[in-house]
Amino acid sequence: MVLQGHIDSISDLAFSTAGDLLVSANEDKAVGLWSLSTGDSLIVLECDIDKMTIITFSPNGQYVASNSAKRTVRIWDCASGKPLHILDGHILSVTWMENQLELYTVDAKKLVHVWRLVKRDDGGIQVQLILRPKSGGLWTSGAKFNGVNDLSTVNRILLRQRRAFLE
């Protein structure tokens, strides 16, 4: 199956948890959402800021988080293709906590920030910062994790490779 639509290089791909959708980030300032059963492009999420570098599905498959080269994370609604929230200014990386609607971002100082998505009555979302590390707080390098649950296989492997996971 060949998925066509991007005009520039693809920088990242992610599969939905159900395995029926693929999302792609690329350097043409767009995010593509694809049906894997038909190969059809479902939605093109346009971003006029900068090229997309990282893309990831929420565990429930309803949202996509995209990270741009300008260190901005956009949270998108997969059904409508509309951006729901922007985290701006300092973000180098983004990932979702498995089985939850929490985003983990890493800033330029390699500090981890934790954000929780809360659904509003009007169908939108509110993004709450639930962990803002102080200087010397939770670091992504040199940290040792023990008793951490709900990590994906990939995240466990990466933590083991960095000798940061204690089992």
N, C-alpha and C. Protein backbone atom coordinates (compact mmCIF):
# COMPACT_ATOMS: atom_id res chain seq x y z
N MET A 1 0.85 -1.17 0.00
CA MET A 1 0.00 0.00 0.00
C MET A 1 0.89 1.23 0.00
N VAL A 2 0.60 2.16 -0.88
CA VAL A 2 1.33 3.41 -0.96
C VAL A 2 0.39 4.53 -0.52
N LEU A 3 0.84 5.29 0.46
CA LEU A 3 0.06 6.44 0.94
C LEU A 3 0.64 7.69 0.30
N GLN A 4 -0.19 8.40 -0.45
CA GLN A 4 0.29 9.57 -1.16
C GLN A 4 -0.38 10.82 -0.63
N GLY A 5 0.37 11.92 -0.64
CA GLY A 5 -0.22 13.18 -0.21
C GLY A 5 0.78 14.20 0.26
N HIS A 6 1.85 13.78 0.91
CA HIS A 6 2.84 14.74 1.38
C HIS A 6 3.73 15.16 0.22
N ILE A 7 4.15 16.42 0.24
CA ILE A 7 5.03 16.91 -0.82
C ILE A 7 6.47 17.03 -0.35
N ASP A 8 6.73 16.80 0.94
CA ASP A 8 8.08 16.91 1.48
C ASP A 8 8.39 15.66 2.30
N SER A 9 9.55 15.61 2.90
CA SER A 9 10.00 14.45 3.66
C SER A 9 9.13 14.19 4.88
N ILE A 10 8.89 12.92 5.16
CA ILE A 10 8.15 12.52 6.37
C ILE A 10 9.16 12.39 7.50
N SER A 11 8.87 13.03 8.63
CA SER A 11 9.80 13.02 9.77
C SER A 11 9.41 12.02 10.85
N ASP A 12 8.13 11.63 10.91
CA ASP A 12 7.71 10.68 11.95
C ASP A 12 6.38 10.05 11.56
N LEU A 13 6.16 8.83 12.05
CA LEU A 13 4.91 8.08 11.84
C LEU A 13 4.48 7.49 13.17
N ALA A 14 3.15 7.33 13.34
CA ALA A 14 2.63 6.66 14.53
C ALA A 14 1.35 5.91 14.16
N PHE A 15 1.17 4.74 14.76
CA PHE A 15 -0.03 3.94 14.57
C PHE A 15 -0.96 4.16 15.75
N SER A 16 -2.27 4.13 15.47
CA SER A 16 -3.24 4.18 16.56
C SER A 16 -3.16 2.88 17.34
N THR A 17 -3.64 2.90 18.58
CA THR A 17 -3.63 1.72 19.43
C THR A 17 -4.41 0.58 18.78
N ALA A 18 -5.51 0.89 18.12
CA ALA A 18 -6.32 -0.13 17.45
C ALA A 18 -5.66 -0.64 16.18
N GLY A 19 -4.66 0.08 15.68
CA GLY A 19 -3.95 -0.36 14.49
C GLY A 19 -4.65 -0.06 13.18
N ASP A 20 -5.72 0.72 13.21
CA ASP A 20 -6.47 1.01 11.99
C ASP A 20 -6.11 2.35 11.35
N LEU A 21 -5.39 3.18 12.08
CA LEU A 21 -5.02 4.50 11.57
C LEU A 21 -3.51 4.71 11.65
N LEU A 22 -3.02 5.53 10.75
CA LEU A 22 -1.62 5.94 10.75
C LEU A 22 -1.61 7.45 10.65
N VAL A 23 -0.75 8.08 11.43
CA VAL A 23 -0.60 9.52 11.35
C VAL A 23 0.86 9.81 10.98
N SER A 24 1.05 10.82 10.12
CA SER A 24 2.40 11.14 9.65
C SER A 24 2.67 12.62 9.86
N ALA A 25 3.89 12.91 10.28
CA ALA A 25 4.36 14.29 10.43
C ALA A 25 5.42 14.52 9.37
N ASN A 26 5.47 15.73 8.85
CA ASN A 26 6.45 15.96 7.80
C ASN A 26 6.93 17.39 7.75
N GLU A 27 7.81 17.62 6.82
CA GLU A 27 8.44 18.92 6.72
C GLU A 27 7.64 19.91 5.88
N ASP A 28 6.47 19.51 5.35
CA ASP A 28 5.65 20.45 4.58
C ASP A 28 4.59 21.12 5.45
N LYS A 29 4.82 21.13 6.77
CA LYS A 29 3.96 21.82 7.74
C LYS A 29 2.56 21.22 7.80
N ALA A 30 2.47 19.91 7.62
CA ALA A 30 1.17 19.25 7.67
C ALA A 30 1.31 17.91 8.38
N VAL A 31 0.17 17.47 8.91
CA VAL A 31 0.07 16.16 9.54
C VAL A 31 -1.00 15.41 8.77
N GLY A 32 -0.70 14.18 8.37
CA GLY A 32 -1.67 13.39 7.62
C GLY A 32 -2.24 12.27 8.46
N LEU A 33 -3.54 12.05 8.37
CA LEU A 33 -4.22 10.95 9.05
C LEU A 33 -4.74 10.01 7.98
N TRP A 34 -4.33 8.72 8.08
CA TRP A 34 -4.60 7.74 7.03
C TRP A 34 -5.37 6.54 7.57
N SER A 35 -6.28 6.01 6.75
CA SER A 35 -6.94 4.75 7.05
C SER A 35 -6.06 3.62 6.52
N LEU A 36 -5.69 2.67 7.37
CA LEU A 36 -4.84 1.57 6.91
C LEU A 36 -5.65 0.49 6.20
N SER A 37 -6.95 0.46 6.41
CA SER A 37 -7.76 -0.54 5.72
C SER A 37 -8.01 -0.15 4.26
N THR A 38 -8.09 1.15 3.97
CA THR A 38 -8.37 1.60 2.60
C THR A 38 -7.19 2.32 1.95
N GLY A 39 -6.27 2.85 2.76
CA GLY A 39 -5.17 3.64 2.24
C GLY A 39 -5.54 5.09 1.97
N ASP A 40 -6.79 5.44 2.30
CA ASP A 40 -7.27 6.79 2.03
C ASP A 40 -6.72 7.80 3.04
N SER A 41 -6.48 9.00 2.55
CA SER A 41 -6.16 10.12 3.43
C SER A 41 -7.47 10.61 4.04
N LEU A 42 -7.58 10.56 5.35
CA LEU A 42 -8.81 10.96 6.03
C LEU A 42 -8.85 12.45 6.30
N ILE A 43 -7.75 12.97 6.82
CA ILE A 43 -7.67 14.39 7.18
C ILE A 43 -6.23 14.84 6.99
N VAL A 44 -6.05 16.05 6.52
CA VAL A 44 -4.74 16.69 6.52
C VAL A 44 -4.83 17.84 7.51
N LEU A 45 -4.01 17.77 8.53
CA LEU A 45 -4.00 18.79 9.58
C LEU A 45 -2.93 19.82 9.20
N GLU A 46 -3.35 21.00 8.87
CA GLU A 46 -2.44 22.04 8.40
C GLU A 46 -1.89 22.85 9.56
N CYS A 47 -0.60 23.08 9.53
CA CYS A 47 0.06 23.91 10.54
C CYS A 47 0.95 24.90 9.81
N ASP A 48 0.68 26.18 9.98
CA ASP A 48 1.43 27.19 9.24
C ASP A 48 2.69 27.66 9.96
N ILE A 49 2.99 27.05 11.11
CA ILE A 49 4.12 27.54 11.91
C ILE A 49 5.46 27.01 11.41
N ASP A 50 5.60 25.70 11.34
CA ASP A 50 6.89 25.12 10.97
C ASP A 50 6.72 23.65 10.68
N LYS A 51 7.78 23.02 10.23
CA LYS A 51 7.71 21.60 9.92
C LYS A 51 7.45 20.79 11.20
N MET A 52 6.77 19.68 11.03
CA MET A 52 6.44 18.80 12.13
C MET A 52 7.58 17.80 12.33
N THR A 53 7.96 17.55 13.57
CA THR A 53 9.08 16.65 13.84
C THR A 53 8.67 15.36 14.55
N ILE A 54 7.68 15.43 15.42
CA ILE A 54 7.24 14.26 16.18
C ILE A 54 5.72 14.21 16.14
N ILE A 55 5.17 13.00 16.03
CA ILE A 55 3.72 12.81 16.03
C ILE A 55 3.38 11.60 16.88
N THR A 56 2.29 11.67 17.63
CA THR A 56 1.91 10.55 18.48
C THR A 56 0.40 10.55 18.74
N PHE A 57 -0.19 9.36 18.76
CA PHE A 57 -1.61 9.19 19.08
C PHE A 57 -1.82 9.12 20.58
N SER A 58 -2.96 9.64 21.04
CA SER A 58 -3.36 9.40 22.42
C SER A 58 -3.75 7.93 22.54
N PRO A 59 -3.68 7.35 23.75
CA PRO A 59 -4.02 5.93 23.90
C PRO A 59 -5.44 5.58 23.44
N ASN A 60 -6.38 6.50 23.55
CA ASN A 60 -7.75 6.21 23.12
C ASN A 60 -7.98 6.49 21.63
N GLY A 61 -6.97 6.99 20.93
CA GLY A 61 -7.06 7.23 19.50
C GLY A 61 -7.86 8.45 19.10
N GLN A 62 -8.35 9.22 20.05
CA GLN A 62 -9.16 10.41 19.73
C GLN A 62 -8.32 11.63 19.41
N TYR A 63 -7.09 11.67 19.91
CA TYR A 63 -6.26 12.86 19.77
C TYR A 63 -4.89 12.51 19.20
N VAL A 64 -4.29 13.50 18.57
CA VAL A 64 -2.92 13.40 18.08
C VAL A 64 -2.18 14.60 18.66
N ALA A 65 -0.96 14.37 19.10
CA ALA A 65 -0.08 15.47 19.52
C ALA A 65 1.06 15.56 18.50
N SER A 66 1.27 16.76 17.98
CA SER A 66 2.36 16.97 17.02
C SER A 66 3.32 17.99 17.60
N ASN A 67 4.59 17.75 17.38
CA ASN A 67 5.64 18.64 17.85
C ASN A 67 6.30 19.27 16.64
N SER A 68 6.50 20.58 16.68
CA SER A 68 7.12 21.26 15.54
C SER A 68 8.56 21.63 15.84
N ALA A 69 9.29 21.98 14.80
CA ALA A 69 10.68 22.40 14.95
C ALA A 69 10.79 23.69 15.76
N LYS A 70 9.71 24.44 15.86
CA LYS A 70 9.70 25.68 16.66
C LYS A 70 9.32 25.41 18.11
N ARG A 71 9.36 24.14 18.51
CA ARG A 71 9.12 23.73 19.90
C ARG A 71 7.70 24.04 20.38
N THR A 72 6.75 23.74 19.52
CA THR A 72 5.35 23.92 19.84
C THR A 72 4.63 22.59 19.68
N VAL A 73 3.84 22.21 20.66
CA VAL A 73 3.02 21.01 20.55
C VAL A 73 1.58 21.42 20.30
N ARG A 74 0.98 20.82 19.29
CA ARG A 74 -0.44 21.02 19.02
C ARG A 74 -1.17 19.72 19.32
N ILE A 75 -2.31 19.84 19.98
CA ILE A 75 -3.16 18.69 20.24
C ILE A 75 -4.34 18.79 19.29
N TRP A 76 -4.55 17.74 18.48
CA TRP A 76 -5.55 17.74 17.42
C TRP A 76 -6.66 16.75 17.76
N ASP A 77 -7.87 17.05 17.33
CA ASP A 77 -8.99 16.13 17.40
C ASP A 77 -8.98 15.30 16.11
N CYS A 78 -8.89 13.98 16.23
CA CYS A 78 -8.80 13.13 15.03
C CYS A 78 -10.10 13.14 14.21
N ALA A 79 -11.24 13.25 14.86
CA ALA A 79 -12.52 13.21 14.14
C ALA A 79 -12.74 14.46 13.29
N SER A 80 -12.43 15.63 13.86
CA SER A 80 -12.70 16.89 13.15
C SER A 80 -11.48 17.47 12.44
N GLY A 81 -10.29 17.08 12.88
CA GLY A 81 -9.07 17.65 12.32
C GLY A 81 -8.74 19.02 12.87
N LYS A 82 -9.48 19.45 13.88
CA LYS A 82 -9.26 20.79 14.44
C LYS A 82 -8.20 20.75 15.55
N PRO A 83 -7.34 21.79 15.60
CA PRO A 83 -6.42 21.89 16.74
C PRO A 83 -7.22 22.29 17.98
N LEU A 84 -6.98 21.59 19.09
CA LEU A 84 -7.72 21.84 20.32
C LEU A 84 -6.93 22.66 21.32
N HIS A 85 -5.60 22.53 21.28
CA HIS A 85 -4.78 23.24 22.26
C HIS A 85 -3.35 23.33 21.74
N ILE A 86 -2.65 24.38 22.16
CA ILE A 86 -1.25 24.56 21.79
C ILE A 86 -0.42 24.72 23.06
N LEU A 87 0.63 23.94 23.17
CA LEU A 87 1.63 24.10 24.23
C LEU A 87 2.83 24.74 23.55
N ASP A 88 3.20 25.92 23.99
CA ASP A 88 4.11 26.74 23.22
C ASP A 88 5.43 26.99 23.93
N GLY A 89 6.49 27.07 23.14
CA GLY A 89 7.67 27.75 23.58
C GLY A 89 8.90 26.97 23.97
N HIS A 90 8.80 25.77 24.48
CA HIS A 90 10.02 25.17 25.01
C HIS A 90 10.11 23.67 24.81
N ILE A 91 9.25 23.09 24.05
CA ILE A 91 9.10 21.65 24.06
C ILE A 91 9.96 20.99 22.99
N LEU A 92 10.80 20.07 23.41
CA LEU A 92 11.67 19.33 22.51
C LEU A 92 11.09 17.98 22.11
N SER A 93 10.28 17.39 22.99
CA SER A 93 9.76 16.06 22.74
C SER A 93 8.41 15.91 23.41
N VAL A 94 7.60 14.97 22.92
CA VAL A 94 6.27 14.75 23.48
C VAL A 94 5.90 13.27 23.35
N THR A 95 5.24 12.75 24.37
CA THR A 95 4.69 11.39 24.32
C THR A 95 3.49 11.31 25.25
N TRP A 96 2.64 10.33 25.04
CA TRP A 96 1.46 10.12 25.88
C TRP A 96 1.76 9.06 26.92
N MET A 97 1.15 9.17 28.08
CA MET A 97 1.20 8.11 29.08
C MET A 97 0.23 7.03 28.61
N GLU A 98 0.70 5.81 28.57
CA GLU A 98 -0.13 4.71 28.10
C GLU A 98 -1.38 4.56 28.97
N ASN A 99 -2.52 4.37 28.33
CA ASN A 99 -3.83 4.16 28.97
C ASN A 99 -4.37 5.39 29.70
N GLN A 100 -3.82 6.56 29.46
CA GLN A 100 -4.30 7.77 30.12
C GLN A 100 -4.26 8.93 29.15
N LEU A 101 -4.94 10.00 29.50
CA LEU A 101 -4.90 11.22 28.68
C LEU A 101 -3.94 12.21 29.33
N GLU A 102 -2.69 11.78 29.46
CA GLU A 102 -1.63 12.64 29.98
C GLU A 102 -0.51 12.71 28.97
N LEU A 103 -0.02 13.92 28.75
CA LEU A 103 1.10 14.16 27.86
C LEU A 103 2.35 14.43 28.69
N TYR A 104 3.45 13.88 28.25
CA TYR A 104 4.75 14.17 28.86
C TYR A 104 5.56 14.93 27.84
N THR A 105 6.05 16.11 28.22
CA THR A 105 6.88 16.90 27.34
C THR A 105 8.24 17.12 27.98
N VAL A 106 9.22 17.35 27.15
CA VAL A 106 10.58 17.63 27.62
C VAL A 106 10.99 19.00 27.11
N ASP A 107 11.48 19.84 28.02
CA ASP A 107 11.87 21.19 27.62
C ASP A 107 13.36 21.26 27.28
N ALA A 108 13.82 22.44 26.93
CA ALA A 108 15.21 22.64 26.51
C ALA A 108 16.22 22.31 27.61
N LYS A 109 15.80 22.35 28.87
CA LYS A 109 16.68 22.00 29.99
C LYS A 109 16.60 20.52 30.34
N LYS A 110 15.91 19.75 29.49
CA LYS A 110 15.71 18.31 29.68
C LYS A 110 14.88 17.99 30.92
N LEU A 111 13.98 18.89 31.27
CA LEU A 111 13.04 18.65 32.36
C LEU A 111 11.73 18.13 31.80
N VAL A 112 11.11 17.20 32.51
CA VAL A 112 9.85 16.61 32.09
C VAL A 112 8.70 17.41 32.70
N HIS A 113 7.70 17.73 31.87
CA HIS A 113 6.47 18.37 32.31
C HIS A 113 5.33 17.41 32.02
N VAL A 114 4.34 17.33 32.90
CA VAL A 114 3.21 16.43 32.70
C VAL A 114 1.94 17.26 32.58
N TRP A 115 1.17 16.99 31.53
CA TRP A 115 -0.05 17.71 31.20
C TRP A 115 -1.21 16.73 31.18
N ARG A 116 -2.34 17.09 31.74
CA ARG A 116 -3.53 16.23 31.73
C ARG A 116 -4.61 16.87 30.86
N LEU A 117 -5.20 16.07 29.97
CA LEU A 117 -6.32 16.52 29.15
C LEU A 117 -7.61 16.20 29.87
N VAL A 118 -8.45 17.21 30.03
CA VAL A 118 -9.75 17.05 30.69
C VAL A 118 -10.82 17.49 29.70
N LYS A 119 -11.79 16.60 29.45
CA LYS A 119 -12.87 16.95 28.53
C LYS A 119 -13.81 17.95 29.18
N ARG A 120 -14.18 18.98 28.39
CA ARG A 120 -15.14 19.98 28.86
C ARG A 120 -16.55 19.57 28.41
N ASP A 121 -17.55 20.18 29.02
CA ASP A 121 -18.95 19.89 28.68
C ASP A 121 -19.29 20.24 27.23
N ASP A 122 -18.58 21.24 26.66
CA ASP A 122 -18.88 21.66 25.30
C ASP A 122 -18.18 20.81 24.24
N GLY A 123 -17.51 19.73 24.68
CA GLY A 123 -16.84 18.83 23.76
C GLY A 123 -15.37 19.14 23.54
N GLY A 124 -14.94 20.31 23.98
CA GLY A 124 -13.53 20.67 23.85
C GLY A 124 -12.71 20.02 24.96
N ILE A 125 -11.46 20.42 25.05
CA ILE A 125 -10.60 19.92 26.11
C ILE A 125 -9.94 21.09 26.84
N GLN A 126 -9.60 20.83 28.06
CA GLN A 126 -8.78 21.75 28.84
C GLN A 126 -7.48 21.00 29.15
N VAL A 127 -6.36 21.67 29.01
CA VAL A 127 -5.07 21.05 29.29
C VAL A 127 -4.53 21.65 30.58
N GLN A 128 -4.31 20.78 31.56
CA GLN A 128 -3.83 21.22 32.87
C GLN A 128 -2.39 20.75 33.08
N LEU A 129 -1.54 21.66 33.49
CA LEU A 129 -0.18 21.29 33.87
C LEU A 129 -0.24 20.67 35.26
N ILE A 130 0.13 19.39 35.38
CA ILE A 130 0.05 18.73 36.68
C ILE A 130 1.42 18.47 37.30
N LEU A 131 2.49 18.64 36.51
CA LEU A 131 3.84 18.55 37.08
C LEU A 131 4.73 19.54 36.35
N ARG A 132 5.21 20.51 37.09
CA ARG A 132 6.20 21.46 36.57
C ARG A 132 7.42 21.31 37.46
N PRO A 133 8.47 20.72 36.93
CA PRO A 133 9.64 20.48 37.77
C PRO A 133 10.36 21.77 38.15
N LYS A 134 10.87 21.77 39.35
CA LYS A 134 11.74 22.86 39.78
C LYS A 134 13.15 22.52 39.34
N SER A 135 14.02 23.46 39.41
CA SER A 135 15.41 23.18 39.09
C SER A 135 15.88 22.02 39.96
N GLY A 136 16.47 21.03 39.33
CA GLY A 136 16.89 19.85 40.07
C GLY A 136 15.77 18.84 40.25
N GLY A 137 14.63 19.04 39.53
CA GLY A 137 13.49 18.14 39.65
C GLY A 137 13.67 16.89 38.81
N LEU A 138 12.61 16.45 38.15
CA LEU A 138 12.62 15.24 37.36
C LEU A 138 13.37 15.48 36.05
N TRP A 139 14.50 14.81 35.89
CA TRP A 139 15.33 14.99 34.72
C TRP A 139 15.20 13.77 33.81
N THR A 140 15.41 13.97 32.51
CA THR A 140 15.36 12.86 31.58
C THR A 140 16.71 12.17 31.45
N SER A 141 17.77 12.78 31.91
CA SER A 141 19.07 12.11 31.87
C SER A 141 19.58 11.98 33.30
N GLY A 142 20.12 10.83 33.61
CA GLY A 142 20.64 10.59 34.94
C GLY A 142 19.60 10.14 35.94
N ALA A 143 18.35 10.00 35.52
CA ALA A 143 17.28 9.57 36.45
C ALA A 143 17.22 8.06 36.51
N LYS A 144 16.77 7.53 37.65
CA LYS A 144 16.55 6.10 37.83
C LYS A 144 15.09 5.89 38.18
N PHE A 145 14.40 5.04 37.42
CA PHE A 145 12.98 4.79 37.63
C PHE A 145 12.78 3.41 38.23
N ASN A 146 11.97 3.33 39.25
CA ASN A 146 11.70 2.06 39.92
C ASN A 146 10.20 1.96 40.17
N GLY A 147 9.60 0.82 39.85
CA GLY A 147 8.18 0.61 40.12
C GLY A 147 7.27 1.41 39.21
N VAL A 148 7.72 1.72 37.99
CA VAL A 148 6.90 2.48 37.06
C VAL A 148 6.00 1.52 36.30
N ASN A 149 4.69 1.81 36.28
CA ASN A 149 3.73 0.97 35.58
C ASN A 149 3.28 1.62 34.29
N ASP A 150 2.67 0.85 33.43
CA ASP A 150 2.03 1.32 32.19
C ASP A 150 2.99 1.94 31.18
N LEU A 151 4.25 1.52 31.18
CA LEU A 151 5.16 1.98 30.14
C LEU A 151 5.01 1.09 28.92
N SER A 152 5.10 1.68 27.74
CA SER A 152 5.06 0.88 26.52
C SER A 152 6.36 0.08 26.43
N THR A 153 6.34 -0.94 25.59
CA THR A 153 7.53 -1.77 25.40
C THR A 153 8.69 -0.92 24.90
N VAL A 154 8.41 -0.02 23.97
CA VAL A 154 9.47 0.84 23.43
C VAL A 154 10.07 1.71 24.52
N ASN A 155 9.22 2.32 25.37
CA ASN A 155 9.73 3.17 26.43
C ASN A 155 10.54 2.36 27.44
N ARG A 156 10.12 1.14 27.75
CA ARG A 156 10.90 0.29 28.66
C ARG A 156 12.27 -0.01 28.08
N ILE A 157 12.31 -0.33 26.79
CA ILE A 157 13.59 -0.64 26.14
C ILE A 157 14.50 0.59 26.16
N LEU A 158 13.95 1.76 25.83
CA LEU A 158 14.76 2.97 25.84
C LEU A 158 15.30 3.29 27.23
N LEU A 159 14.47 3.12 28.25
CA LEU A 159 14.94 3.37 29.61
C LEU A 159 16.01 2.37 30.02
N ARG A 160 15.85 1.10 29.63
CA ARG A 160 16.88 0.10 29.93
C ARG A 160 18.19 0.44 29.23
N GLN A 161 18.09 0.85 27.96
CA GLN A 161 19.29 1.21 27.21
C GLN A 161 20.04 2.36 27.87
N ARG A 162 19.32 3.26 28.47
CA ARG A 162 19.95 4.41 29.14
C ARG A 162 20.28 4.11 30.59
N ARG A 163 20.09 2.83 30.96
CA ARG A 163 20.35 2.36 32.34
C ARG A 163 19.61 3.21 33.37
N ALA A 164 18.37 3.58 33.02
CA ALA A 164 17.58 4.41 33.92
C ALA A 164 16.39 3.64 34.47
N PHE A 165 16.28 2.36 34.19
CA PHE A 165 15.12 1.59 34.63
C PHE A 165 15.57 0.49 35.58
N LEU A 166 15.04 0.52 36.78
CA LEU A 166 15.38 -0.48 37.78
C LEU A 166 14.22 -1.46 37.90
N GLU A 167 14.49 -2.76 37.72
CA GLU A 167 13.42 -3.76 37.87
C GLU A 167 13.76 -4.73 38.96
